[in-house]
Amino acid sequence: MAQARTDYTKVAAPRALGGMVVTPHRIDLFKYLMICMVVFTIVSVFHVWSRFKLVDLNLQMSDISRQLSEAGQEHKRLKLEAASLKAPARIEAIAKNELGMALPTEQQVIHVK
């Protein structure tokens, strides 16, 4: 048999077990990914917070709208009550019956010039 000659000059040197070689390119990529994750987290938290505030403000708006409509109804009721209390017939009846007042006679009227 012929002896084969082996050329070991092109064989890669073995790496040490458990140790990874970290190149500067990998460190830059890691920093970039961490910055992206932090920015993404901040944007996500802001988005959730803004949605929460939007729902909260909508609830407040509906509550205030309900209070406004109740106040409008109360205002209409009070205007109607004030109009009924200002009626001249009612005032005259109270003056005659409860206060004992009467219309003035001719002798009680004095004309001022």
PDB file of N, CA and C in Angstrom:
ATOM      1  N   MET A   1       0.812  -1.164   0.000  1.00  0.00           N
ATOM      2  CA  MET A   1       0.000   0.000   0.000  1.00  0.00           C
ATOM      3  C   MET A   1       0.862   1.235   0.000  1.00  0.00           C
ATOM      4  N   ALA A   2       0.334   2.090  -0.665  1.00  0.00           N
ATOM      5  CA  ALA A   2       1.084   3.329  -0.757  1.00  0.00           C
ATOM      6  C   ALA A   2       0.751   4.218   0.433  1.00  0.00           C
ATOM      7  N   GLN A   3       1.712   4.856   0.849  1.00  0.00           N
ATOM      8  CA  GLN A   3       1.487   5.731   1.992  1.00  0.00           C
ATOM      9  C   GLN A   3       0.956   7.071   1.495  1.00  0.00           C
ATOM     10  N   ALA A   4      -0.147   7.480   2.122  1.00  0.00           N
ATOM     11  CA  ALA A   4      -0.754   8.747   1.737  1.00  0.00           C
ATOM     12  C   ALA A   4      -0.200   9.843   2.636  1.00  0.00           C
ATOM     13  N   ARG A   5       0.067  10.855   2.023  1.00  0.00           N
ATOM     14  CA  ARG A   5       0.608  11.966   2.784  1.00  0.00           C
ATOM     15  C   ARG A   5      -0.533  12.939   3.115  1.00  0.00           C
ATOM     16  N   THR A   6      -0.611  13.293   4.349  1.00  0.00           N
ATOM     17  CA  THR A   6      -1.684  14.171   4.791  1.00  0.00           C
ATOM     18  C   THR A   6      -1.093  15.538   5.083  1.00  0.00           C
ATOM     19  N   ASP A   7      -1.843  16.548   4.631  1.00  0.00           N
ATOM     20  CA  ASP A   7      -1.394  17.930   4.848  1.00  0.00           C
ATOM     21  C   ASP A   7      -2.270  18.548   5.940  1.00  0.00           C
ATOM     22  N   TYR A   8      -1.665  18.755   7.098  1.00  0.00           N
ATOM     23  CA  TYR A   8      -2.415  19.296   8.228  1.00  0.00           C
ATOM     24  C   TYR A   8      -2.304  20.815   8.338  1.00  0.00           C
ATOM     25  N   THR A   9      -1.773  21.465   7.405  1.00  0.00           N
ATOM     26  CA  THR A   9      -1.592  22.915   7.506  1.00  0.00           C
ATOM     27  C   THR A   9      -2.899  23.670   7.295  1.00  0.00           C
ATOM     28  N   LYS A  10      -3.858  23.041   6.673  1.00  0.00           N
ATOM     29  CA  LYS A  10      -5.122  23.727   6.408  1.00  0.00           C
ATOM     30  C   LYS A  10      -6.206  23.366   7.426  1.00  0.00           C
ATOM     31  N   VAL A  11      -5.868  22.682   8.478  1.00  0.00           N
ATOM     32  CA  VAL A  11      -6.837  22.294   9.488  1.00  0.00           C
ATOM     33  C   VAL A  11      -6.951  23.419  10.509  1.00  0.00           C
ATOM     34  N   ALA A  12      -8.176  23.738  10.891  1.00  0.00           N
ATOM     35  CA  ALA A  12      -8.408  24.807  11.866  1.00  0.00           C
ATOM     36  C   ALA A  12      -8.009  24.328  13.247  1.00  0.00           C
ATOM     37  N   ALA A  13      -7.531  25.256  14.033  1.00  0.00           N
ATOM     38  CA  ALA A  13      -7.152  24.923  15.401  1.00  0.00           C
ATOM     39  C   ALA A  13      -8.412  24.716  16.228  1.00  0.00           C
ATOM     40  N   PRO A  14      -8.426  23.773  17.114  1.00  0.00           N
ATOM     41  CA  PRO A  14      -9.626  23.526  17.927  1.00  0.00           C
ATOM     42  C   PRO A  14      -9.873  24.668  18.909  1.00  0.00           C
ATOM     43  N   ARG A  15     -11.166  24.936  19.163  1.00  0.00           N
ATOM     44  CA  ARG A  15     -11.545  25.985  20.114  1.00  0.00           C
ATOM     45  C   ARG A  15     -11.601  25.385  21.510  1.00  0.00           C
ATOM     46  N   ALA A  16     -11.448  26.256  22.457  1.00  0.00           N
ATOM     47  CA  ALA A  16     -11.564  25.805  23.840  1.00  0.00           C
ATOM     48  C   ALA A  16     -13.028  25.538  24.142  1.00  0.00           C
ATOM     49  N   LEU A  17     -13.318  24.498  24.879  1.00  0.00           N
ATOM     50  CA  LEU A  17     -14.692  24.157  25.190  1.00  0.00           C
ATOM     51  C   LEU A  17     -15.281  25.181  26.163  1.00  0.00           C
ATOM     52  N   GLY A  18     -16.531  25.580  25.914  1.00  0.00           N
ATOM     53  CA  GLY A  18     -17.243  26.469  26.814  1.00  0.00           C
ATOM     54  C   GLY A  18     -16.925  27.935  26.635  1.00  0.00           C
ATOM     55  N   GLY A  19     -15.936  28.296  25.995  1.00  0.00           N
ATOM     56  CA  GLY A  19     -15.602  29.708  25.814  1.00  0.00           C
ATOM     57  C   GLY A  19     -15.994  30.176  24.432  1.00  0.00           C
ATOM     58  N   MET A  20     -16.801  31.227  24.371  1.00  0.00           N
ATOM     59  CA  MET A  20     -17.188  31.779  23.074  1.00  0.00           C
ATOM     60  C   MET A  20     -16.392  33.041  22.842  1.00  0.00           C
ATOM     61  N   VAL A  21     -16.004  33.196  21.647  1.00  0.00           N
ATOM     62  CA  VAL A  21     -15.270  34.395  21.287  1.00  0.00           C
ATOM     63  C   VAL A  21     -16.299  35.468  20.944  1.00  0.00           C
ATOM     64  N   VAL A  22     -16.272  36.601  21.659  1.00  0.00           N
ATOM     65  CA  VAL A  22     -17.217  37.687  21.425  1.00  0.00           C
ATOM     66  C   VAL A  22     -16.494  38.767  20.650  1.00  0.00           C
ATOM     67  N   THR A  23     -16.986  38.988  19.474  1.00  0.00           N
ATOM     68  CA  THR A  23     -16.367  40.004  18.634  1.00  0.00           C
ATOM     69  C   THR A  23     -17.019  41.357  18.903  1.00  0.00           C
ATOM     70  N   PRO A  24     -16.350  42.438  18.578  1.00  0.00           N
ATOM     71  CA  PRO A  24     -16.936  43.774  18.777  1.00  0.00           C
ATOM     72  C   PRO A  24     -18.232  43.959  17.978  1.00  0.00           C
ATOM     73  N   HIS A  25     -18.328  43.281  16.850  1.00  0.00           N
ATOM     74  CA  HIS A  25     -19.553  43.370  16.048  1.00  0.00           C
ATOM     75  C   HIS A  25     -20.743  42.808  16.821  1.00  0.00           C
ATOM     76  N   ARG A  26     -20.537  41.695  17.533  1.00  0.00           N
ATOM     77  CA  ARG A  26     -21.617  41.093  18.325  1.00  0.00           C
ATOM     78  C   ARG A  26     -21.994  41.996  19.497  1.00  0.00           C
ATOM     79  N   ILE A  27     -21.039  42.665  20.099  1.00  0.00           N
ATOM     80  CA  ILE A  27     -21.330  43.572  21.211  1.00  0.00           C
ATOM     81  C   ILE A  27     -22.168  44.743  20.713  1.00  0.00           C
ATOM     82  N   ASP A  28     -21.823  45.294  19.554  1.00  0.00           N
ATOM     83  CA  ASP A  28     -22.599  46.396  18.981  1.00  0.00           C
ATOM     84  C   ASP A  28     -24.021  45.941  18.659  1.00  0.00           C
ATOM     85  N   LEU A  29     -24.173  44.753  18.130  1.00  0.00           N
ATOM     86  CA  LEU A  29     -25.493  44.227  17.818  1.00  0.00           C
ATOM     87  C   LEU A  29     -26.307  44.021  19.099  1.00  0.00           C
ATOM     88  N   PHE A  30     -25.668  43.529  20.143  1.00  0.00           N
ATOM     89  CA  PHE A  30     -26.351  43.334  21.425  1.00  0.00           C
ATOM     90  C   PHE A  30     -26.826  44.674  21.993  1.00  0.00           C
ATOM     91  N   LYS A  31     -25.961  45.691  21.962  1.00  0.00           N
ATOM     92  CA  LYS A  31     -26.342  47.021  22.447  1.00  0.00           C
ATOM     93  C   LYS A  31     -27.516  47.568  21.641  1.00  0.00           C
ATOM     94  N   TYR A  32     -27.466  47.411  20.328  1.00  0.00           N
ATOM     95  CA  TYR A  32     -28.534  47.886  19.456  1.00  0.00           C
ATOM     96  C   TYR A  32     -29.853  47.180  19.782  1.00  0.00           C
ATOM     97  N   LEU A  33     -29.799  45.871  19.962  1.00  0.00           N
ATOM     98  CA  LEU A  33     -31.029  45.123  20.278  1.00  0.00           C
ATOM     99  C   LEU A  33     -31.579  45.515  21.650  1.00  0.00           C
ATOM    100  N   MET A  34     -30.712  45.737  22.624  1.00  0.00           N
ATOM    101  CA  MET A  34     -31.167  46.150  23.956  1.00  0.00           C
ATOM    102  C   MET A  34     -31.816  47.533  23.903  1.00  0.00           C
ATOM    103  N   ILE A  35     -31.216  48.439  23.141  1.00  0.00           N
ATOM    104  CA  ILE A  35     -31.805  49.776  22.992  1.00  0.00           C
ATOM    105  C   ILE A  35     -33.174  49.665  22.324  1.00  0.00           C
ATOM    106  N   CYS A  36     -33.262  48.833  21.297  1.00  0.00           N
ATOM    107  CA  CYS A  36     -34.556  48.631  20.622  1.00  0.00           C
ATOM    108  C   CYS A  36     -35.594  48.063  21.591  1.00  0.00           C
ATOM    109  N   MET A  37     -35.207  47.105  22.418  1.00  0.00           N
ATOM    110  CA  MET A  37     -36.141  46.517  23.374  1.00  0.00           C
ATOM    111  C   MET A  37     -36.595  47.553  24.415  1.00  0.00           C
ATOM    112  N   VAL A  38     -35.686  48.394  24.893  1.00  0.00           N
ATOM    113  CA  VAL A  38     -36.047  49.420  25.866  1.00  0.00           C
ATOM    114  C   VAL A  38     -37.002  50.432  25.227  1.00  0.00           C
ATOM    115  N   VAL A  39     -36.696  50.856  24.027  1.00  0.00           N
ATOM    116  CA  VAL A  39     -37.571  51.808  23.331  1.00  0.00           C
ATOM    117  C   VAL A  39     -38.937  51.180  23.080  1.00  0.00           C
ATOM    118  N   PHE A  40     -38.965  49.950  22.639  1.00  0.00           N
ATOM    119  CA  PHE A  40     -40.234  49.249  22.398  1.00  0.00           C
ATOM    120  C   PHE A  40     -41.052  49.133  23.682  1.00  0.00           C
ATOM    121  N   THR A  41     -40.385  48.831  24.795  1.00  0.00           N
ATOM    122  CA  THR A  41     -41.081  48.732  26.081  1.00  0.00           C
ATOM    123  C   THR A  41     -41.660  50.077  26.493  1.00  0.00           C
ATOM    124  N   ILE A  42     -40.893  51.141  26.345  1.00  0.00           N
ATOM    125  CA  ILE A  42     -41.372  52.475  26.704  1.00  0.00           C
ATOM    126  C   ILE A  42     -42.564  52.867  25.842  1.00  0.00           C
ATOM    127  N   VAL A  43     -42.471  52.620  24.539  1.00  0.00           N
ATOM    128  CA  VAL A  43     -43.578  52.951  23.638  1.00  0.00           C
ATOM    129  C   VAL A  43     -44.811  52.123  23.985  1.00  0.00           C
ATOM    130  N   SER A  44     -44.624  50.863  24.311  1.00  0.00           N
ATOM    131  CA  SER A  44     -45.760  50.000  24.670  1.00  0.00           C
ATOM    132  C   SER A  44     -46.431  50.478  25.951  1.00  0.00           C
ATOM    133  N   VAL A  45     -45.637  50.818  26.949  1.00  0.00           N
ATOM    134  CA  VAL A  45     -46.204  51.309  28.205  1.00  0.00           C
ATOM    135  C   VAL A  45     -46.949  52.620  27.971  1.00  0.00           C
ATOM    136  N   PHE A  46     -46.387  53.513  27.173  1.00  0.00           N
ATOM    137  CA  PHE A  46     -47.065  54.773  26.859  1.00  0.00           C
ATOM    138  C   PHE A  46     -48.377  54.517  26.125  1.00  0.00           C
ATOM    139  N   HIS A  47     -48.387  53.574  25.197  1.00  0.00           N
ATOM    140  CA  HIS A  47     -49.597  53.251  24.438  1.00  0.00           C
ATOM    141  C   HIS A  47     -50.687  52.721  25.372  1.00  0.00           C
ATOM    142  N   VAL A  48     -50.329  51.810  26.252  1.00  0.00           N
ATOM    143  CA  VAL A  48     -51.316  51.255  27.193  1.00  0.00           C
ATOM    144  C   VAL A  48     -51.818  52.349  28.121  1.00  0.00           C
ATOM    145  N   TRP A  49     -50.915  53.208  28.618  1.00  0.00           N
ATOM    146  CA  TRP A  49     -51.314  54.301  29.504  1.00  0.00           C
ATOM    147  C   TRP A  49     -52.257  55.259  28.787  1.00  0.00           C
ATOM    148  N   SER A  50     -51.962  55.595  27.529  1.00  0.00           N
ATOM    149  CA  SER A  50     -52.823  56.528  26.793  1.00  0.00           C
ATOM    150  C   SER A  50     -54.195  55.915  26.538  1.00  0.00           C
ATOM    151  N   ARG A  51     -54.257  54.627  26.262  1.00  0.00           N
ATOM    152  CA  ARG A  51     -55.558  53.963  26.071  1.00  0.00           C
ATOM    153  C   ARG A  51     -56.345  53.959  27.375  1.00  0.00           C
ATOM    154  N   PHE A  52     -55.674  53.711  28.486  1.00  0.00           N
ATOM    155  CA  PHE A  52     -56.329  53.727  29.786  1.00  0.00           C
ATOM    156  C   PHE A  52     -56.898  55.115  30.071  1.00  0.00           C
ATOM    157  N   LYS A  53     -56.109  56.157  29.826  1.00  0.00           N
ATOM    158  CA  LYS A  53     -56.575  57.519  30.047  1.00  0.00           C
ATOM    159  C   LYS A  53     -57.747  57.851  29.130  1.00  0.00           C
ATOM    160  N   LEU A  54     -57.712  57.365  27.890  1.00  0.00           N
ATOM    161  CA  LEU A  54     -58.802  57.623  26.948  1.00  0.00           C
ATOM    162  C   LEU A  54     -60.101  57.008  27.458  1.00  0.00           C
ATOM    163  N   VAL A  55     -60.047  55.789  27.931  1.00  0.00           N
ATOM    164  CA  VAL A  55     -61.245  55.137  28.466  1.00  0.00           C
ATOM    165  C   VAL A  55     -61.724  55.872  29.710  1.00  0.00           C
ATOM    166  N   ASP A  56     -60.790  56.263  30.578  1.00  0.00           N
ATOM    167  CA  ASP A  56     -61.151  56.982  31.795  1.00  0.00           C
ATOM    168  C   ASP A  56     -61.806  58.324  31.463  1.00  0.00           C
ATOM    169  N   LEU A  57     -61.260  59.053  30.497  1.00  0.00           N
ATOM    170  CA  LEU A  57     -61.840  60.337  30.111  1.00  0.00           C
ATOM    171  C   LEU A  57     -63.210  60.161  29.459  1.00  0.00           C
ATOM    172  N   ASN A  58     -63.386  59.093  28.687  1.00  0.00           N
ATOM    173  CA  ASN A  58     -64.701  58.829  28.097  1.00  0.00           C
ATOM    174  C   ASN A  58     -65.736  58.555  29.184  1.00  0.00           C
ATOM    175  N   LEU A  59     -65.345  57.813  30.223  1.00  0.00           N
ATOM    176  CA  LEU A  59     -66.258  57.566  31.335  1.00  0.00           C
ATOM    177  C   LEU A  59     -66.602  58.869  32.061  1.00  0.00           C
ATOM    178  N   GLN A  60     -65.621  59.702  32.267  1.00  0.00           N
ATOM    179  CA  GLN A  60     -65.871  60.992  32.912  1.00  0.00           C
ATOM    180  C   GLN A  60     -66.784  61.863  32.052  1.00  0.00           C
ATOM    181  N   MET A  61     -66.549  61.854  30.737  1.00  0.00           N
ATOM    182  CA  MET A  61     -67.395  62.637  29.833  1.00  0.00           C
ATOM    183  C   MET A  61     -68.839  62.170  29.865  1.00  0.00           C
ATOM    184  N   SER A  62     -69.060  60.864  29.872  1.00  0.00           N
ATOM    185  CA  SER A  62     -70.433  60.365  29.906  1.00  0.00           C
ATOM    186  C   SER A  62     -71.096  60.708  31.229  1.00  0.00           C
ATOM    187  N   ASP A  63     -70.343  60.654  32.328  1.00  0.00           N
ATOM    188  CA  ASP A  63     -70.889  61.020  33.628  1.00  0.00           C
ATOM    189  C   ASP A  63     -71.254  62.504  33.658  1.00  0.00           C
ATOM    190  N   ILE A  64     -70.392  63.347  33.129  1.00  0.00           N
ATOM    191  CA  ILE A  64     -70.660  64.786  33.101  1.00  0.00           C
ATOM    192  C   ILE A  64     -71.832  65.087  32.172  1.00  0.00           C
ATOM    193  N   SER A  65     -71.941  64.381  31.054  1.00  0.00           N
ATOM    194  CA  SER A  65     -73.081  64.578  30.152  1.00  0.00           C
ATOM    195  C   SER A  65     -74.389  64.209  30.850  1.00  0.00           C
ATOM    196  N   ARG A  66     -74.362  63.127  31.609  1.00  0.00           N
ATOM    197  CA  ARG A  66     -75.554  62.724  32.358  1.00  0.00           C
ATOM    198  C   ARG A  66     -75.912  63.787  33.385  1.00  0.00           C
ATOM    199  N   GLN A  67     -74.914  64.302  34.107  1.00  0.00           N
ATOM    200  CA  GLN A  67     -75.173  65.349  35.095  1.00  0.00           C
ATOM    201  C   GLN A  67     -75.704  66.612  34.427  1.00  0.00           C
ATOM    202  N   LEU A  68     -75.177  66.943  33.247  1.00  0.00           N
ATOM    203  CA  LEU A  68     -75.629  68.121  32.519  1.00  0.00           C
ATOM    204  C   LEU A  68     -77.087  67.971  32.101  1.00  0.00           C
ATOM    205  N   SER A  69     -77.469  66.799  31.621  1.00  0.00           N
ATOM    206  CA  SER A  69     -78.856  66.599  31.217  1.00  0.00           C
ATOM    207  C   SER A  69     -79.779  66.649  32.432  1.00  0.00           C
ATOM    208  N   GLU A  70     -79.347  66.080  33.565  1.00  0.00           N
ATOM    209  CA  GLU A  70     -80.148  66.169  34.793  1.00  0.00           C
ATOM    210  C   GLU A  70     -80.291  67.619  35.238  1.00  0.00           C
ATOM    211  N   ALA A  71     -79.227  68.398  35.151  1.00  0.00           N
ATOM    212  CA  ALA A  71     -79.286  69.807  35.534  1.00  0.00           C
ATOM    213  C   ALA A  71     -80.205  70.581  34.590  1.00  0.00           C
ATOM    214  N   GLY A  72     -80.191  70.246  33.308  1.00  0.00           N
ATOM    215  CA  GLY A  72     -81.093  70.896  32.353  1.00  0.00           C
ATOM    216  C   GLY A  72     -82.546  70.606  32.681  1.00  0.00           C
ATOM    217  N   GLN A  73     -82.843  69.355  33.026  1.00  0.00           N
ATOM    218  CA  GLN A  73     -84.210  69.001  33.404  1.00  0.00           C
ATOM    219  C   GLN A  73     -84.618  69.720  34.684  1.00  0.00           C
ATOM    220  N   GLU A  74     -83.719  69.803  35.657  1.00  0.00           N
ATOM    221  CA  GLU A  74     -84.002  70.515  36.903  1.00  0.00           C
ATOM    222  C   GLU A  74     -84.239  71.999  36.630  1.00  0.00           C
ATOM    223  N   HIS A  75     -83.463  72.576  35.725  1.00  0.00           N
ATOM    224  CA  HIS A  75     -83.616  73.988  35.360  1.00  0.00           C
ATOM    225  C   HIS A  75     -84.997  74.233  34.735  1.00  0.00           C
ATOM    226  N   LYS A  76     -85.407  73.350  33.831  1.00  0.00           N
ATOM    227  CA  LYS A  76     -86.739  73.493  33.220  1.00  0.00           C
ATOM    228  C   LYS A  76     -87.835  73.384  34.281  1.00  0.00           C
ATOM    229  N   ARG A  77     -87.686  72.439  35.205  1.00  0.00           N
ATOM    230  CA  ARG A  77     -88.684  72.268  36.254  1.00  0.00           C
ATOM    231  C   ARG A  77     -88.757  73.511  37.138  1.00  0.00           C
ATOM    232  N   LEU A  78     -87.579  74.071  37.486  1.00  0.00           N
ATOM    233  CA  LEU A  78     -87.561  75.261  38.332  1.00  0.00           C
ATOM    234  C   LEU A  78     -88.122  76.488  37.615  1.00  0.00           C
ATOM    235  N   LYS A  79     -87.880  76.612  36.314  1.00  0.00           N
ATOM    236  CA  LYS A  79     -88.461  77.727  35.551  1.00  0.00           C
ATOM    237  C   LYS A  79     -89.974  77.626  35.534  1.00  0.00           C
ATOM    238  N   LEU A  80     -90.487  76.402  35.361  1.00  0.00           N
ATOM    239  CA  LEU A  80     -91.934  76.202  35.364  1.00  0.00           C
ATOM    240  C   LEU A  80     -92.517  76.530  36.743  1.00  0.00           C
ATOM    241  N   GLU A  81     -91.834  76.106  37.788  1.00  0.00           N
ATOM    242  CA  GLU A  81     -92.300  76.402  39.141  1.00  0.00           C
ATOM    243  C   GLU A  81     -92.267  77.895  39.419  1.00  0.00           C
ATOM    244  N   ALA A  82     -91.216  78.589  38.987  1.00  0.00           N
ATOM    245  CA  ALA A  82     -91.133  80.037  39.178  1.00  0.00           C
ATOM    246  C   ALA A  82     -92.240  80.746  38.419  1.00  0.00           C
ATOM    247  N   ALA A  83     -92.537  80.292  37.217  1.00  0.00           N
ATOM    248  CA  ALA A  83     -93.612  80.907  36.435  1.00  0.00           C
ATOM    249  C   ALA A  83     -94.954  80.716  37.129  1.00  0.00           C
ATOM    250  N   SER A  84     -95.174  79.541  37.700  1.00  0.00           N
ATOM    251  CA  SER A  84     -96.449  79.315  38.387  1.00  0.00           C
ATOM    252  C   SER A  84     -96.521  80.128  39.681  1.00  0.00           C
ATOM    253  N   LEU A  85     -95.387  80.330  40.359  1.00  0.00           N
ATOM    254  CA  LEU A  85     -95.397  81.124  41.589  1.00  0.00           C
ATOM    255  C   LEU A  85     -95.564  82.620  41.309  1.00  0.00           C
ATOM    256  N   LYS A  86     -95.160  83.085  40.128  1.00  0.00           N
ATOM    257  CA  LYS A  86     -95.275  84.504  39.781  1.00  0.00           C
ATOM    258  C   LYS A  86     -96.627  84.852  39.167  1.00  0.00           C
ATOM    259  N   ALA A  87     -97.516  83.907  39.029  1.00  0.00           N
ATOM    260  CA  ALA A  87     -98.811  84.168  38.387  1.00  0.00           C
ATOM    261  C   ALA A  87     -99.571  85.231  39.175  1.00  0.00           C
ATOM    262  N   PRO A  88    -100.065  86.266  38.501  1.00  0.00           N
ATOM    263  CA  PRO A  88    -100.785  87.343  39.206  1.00  0.00           C
ATOM    264  C   PRO A  88    -102.016  86.861  39.978  1.00  0.00           C
ATOM    265  N   ALA A  89    -102.718  85.867  39.455  1.00  0.00           N
ATOM    266  CA  ALA A  89    -103.911  85.368  40.149  1.00  0.00           C
ATOM    267  C   ALA A  89    -103.520  84.726  41.479  1.00  0.00           C
ATOM    268  N   ARG A  90    -102.421  83.989  41.502  1.00  0.00           N
ATOM    269  CA  ARG A  90    -101.957  83.355  42.734  1.00  0.00           C
ATOM    270  C   ARG A  90    -101.558  84.407  43.763  1.00  0.00           C
ATOM    271  N   ILE A  91    -100.809  85.422  43.312  1.00  0.00           N
ATOM    272  CA  ILE A  91    -100.358  86.480  44.223  1.00  0.00           C
ATOM    273  C   ILE A  91    -101.572  87.223  44.806  1.00  0.00           C
ATOM    274  N   GLU A  92    -102.567  87.519  43.976  1.00  0.00           N
ATOM    275  CA  GLU A  92    -103.767  88.218  44.451  1.00  0.00           C
ATOM    276  C   GLU A  92    -104.535  87.359  45.459  1.00  0.00           C
ATOM    277  N   ALA A  93    -104.636  86.048  45.202  1.00  0.00           N
ATOM    278  CA  ALA A  93    -105.352  85.156  46.128  1.00  0.00           C
ATOM    279  C   ALA A  93    -104.628  85.087  47.465  1.00  0.00           C
ATOM    280  N   ILE A  94    -103.330  85.019  47.479  1.00  0.00           N
ATOM    281  CA  ILE A  94    -102.564  84.978  48.732  1.00  0.00           C
ATOM    282  C   ILE A  94    -102.720  86.295  49.485  1.00  0.00           C
ATOM    283  N   ALA A  95    -102.688  87.424  48.750  1.00  0.00           N
ATOM    284  CA  ALA A  95    -102.813  88.735  49.396  1.00  0.00           C
ATOM    285  C   ALA A  95    -104.186  88.881  50.043  1.00  0.00           C
ATOM    286  N   LYS A  96    -105.250  88.438  49.385  1.00  0.00           N
ATOM    287  CA  LYS A  96    -106.602  88.578  49.943  1.00  0.00           C
ATOM    288  C   LYS A  96    -106.848  87.587  51.069  1.00  0.00           C
ATOM    289  N   ASN A  97    -106.508  86.323  50.863  1.00  0.00           N
ATOM    290  CA  ASN A  97    -106.878  85.283  51.826  1.00  0.00           C
ATOM    291  C   ASN A  97    -105.938  85.216  53.034  1.00  0.00           C
ATOM    292  N   GLU A  98    -104.638  85.209  52.793  1.00  0.00           N
ATOM    293  CA  GLU A  98    -103.691  85.000  53.894  1.00  0.00           C
ATOM    294  C   GLU A  98    -103.275  86.309  54.566  1.00  0.00           C
ATOM    295  N   LEU A  99    -103.142  87.366  53.790  1.00  0.00           N
ATOM    296  CA  LEU A  99    -102.635  88.619  54.355  1.00  0.00           C
ATOM    297  C   LEU A  99    -103.745  89.626  54.653  1.00  0.00           C
ATOM    298  N   GLY A 100    -104.951  89.346  54.227  1.00  0.00           N
ATOM    299  CA  GLY A 100    -106.076  90.241  54.494  1.00  0.00           C
ATOM    300  C   GLY A 100    -106.003  91.539  53.724  1.00  0.00           C
ATOM    301  N   MET A 101    -105.390  91.569  52.617  1.00  0.00           N
ATOM    302  CA  MET A 101    -105.284  92.781  51.808  1.00  0.00           C
ATOM    303  C   MET A 101    -106.490  92.888  50.877  1.00  0.00           C
ATOM    304  N   ALA A 102    -106.765  94.116  50.430  1.00  0.00           N
ATOM    305  CA  ALA A 102    -107.857  94.359  49.472  1.00  0.00           C
ATOM    306  C   ALA A 102    -107.415  95.459  48.526  1.00  0.00           C
ATOM    307  N   LEU A 103    -108.122  95.596  47.440  1.00  0.00           N
ATOM    308  CA  LEU A 103    -107.807  96.680  46.511  1.00  0.00           C
ATOM    309  C   LEU A 103    -108.156  98.010  47.175  1.00  0.00           C
ATOM    310  N   PRO A 104    -107.393  99.061  46.905  1.00  0.00           N
ATOM    311  CA  PRO A 104    -107.668 100.347  47.557  1.00  0.00           C
ATOM    312  C   PRO A 104    -108.978 100.972  47.042  1.00  0.00           C
ATOM    313  N   THR A 105    -109.641 101.676  47.915  1.00  0.00           N
ATOM    314  CA  THR A 105    -110.871 102.388  47.529  1.00  0.00           C
ATOM    315  C   THR A 105    -110.486 103.739  46.955  1.00  0.00           C
ATOM    316  N   GLU A 106    -111.502 104.493  46.481  1.00  0.00           N
ATOM    317  CA  GLU A 106    -111.237 105.810  45.887  1.00  0.00           C
ATOM    318  C   GLU A 106    -110.664 106.787  46.912  1.00  0.00           C
ATOM    319  N   GLN A 107    -111.075 106.685  48.152  1.00  0.00           N
ATOM    320  CA  GLN A 107    -110.594 107.614  49.172  1.00  0.00           C
ATOM    321  C   GLN A 107    -109.144 107.302  49.570  1.00  0.00           C
ATOM    322  N   GLN A 108    -108.671 106.079  49.353  1.00  0.00           N
ATOM    323  CA  GLN A 108    -107.292 105.713  49.719  1.00  0.00           C
ATOM    324  C   GLN A 108    -106.292 106.061  48.638  1.00  0.00           C
ATOM    325  N   VAL A 109    -106.739 106.379  47.453  1.00  0.00           N
ATOM    326  CA  VAL A 109    -105.835 106.669  46.338  1.00  0.00           C
ATOM    327  C   VAL A 109    -105.532 108.170  46.343  1.00  0.00           C
ATOM    328  N   ILE A 110    -104.250 108.516  46.324  1.00  0.00           N
ATOM    329  CA  ILE A 110    -103.817 109.914  46.265  1.00  0.00           C
ATOM    330  C   ILE A 110    -103.030 110.082  44.974  1.00  0.00           C
ATOM    331  N   HIS A 111    -103.437 111.061  44.186  1.00  0.00           N
ATOM    332  CA  HIS A 111    -102.742 111.326  42.917  1.00  0.00           C
ATOM    333  C   HIS A 111    -101.644 112.356  43.166  1.00  0.00           C
ATOM    334  N   VAL A 112    -100.429 112.073  42.754  1.00  0.00           N
ATOM    335  CA  VAL A 112     -99.279 112.964  42.929  1.00  0.00           C
ATOM    336  C   VAL A 112     -98.919 113.530  41.581  1.00  0.00           C
ATOM    337  N   LYS A 113     -98.757 114.860  41.548  1.00  0.00           N
ATOM    338  CA  LYS A 113     -98.401 115.499  40.279  1.00  0.00           C
ATOM    339  C   LYS A 113     -96.980 115.947  40.282  1.00  0.00           C
TER     340      LYS A 113
END
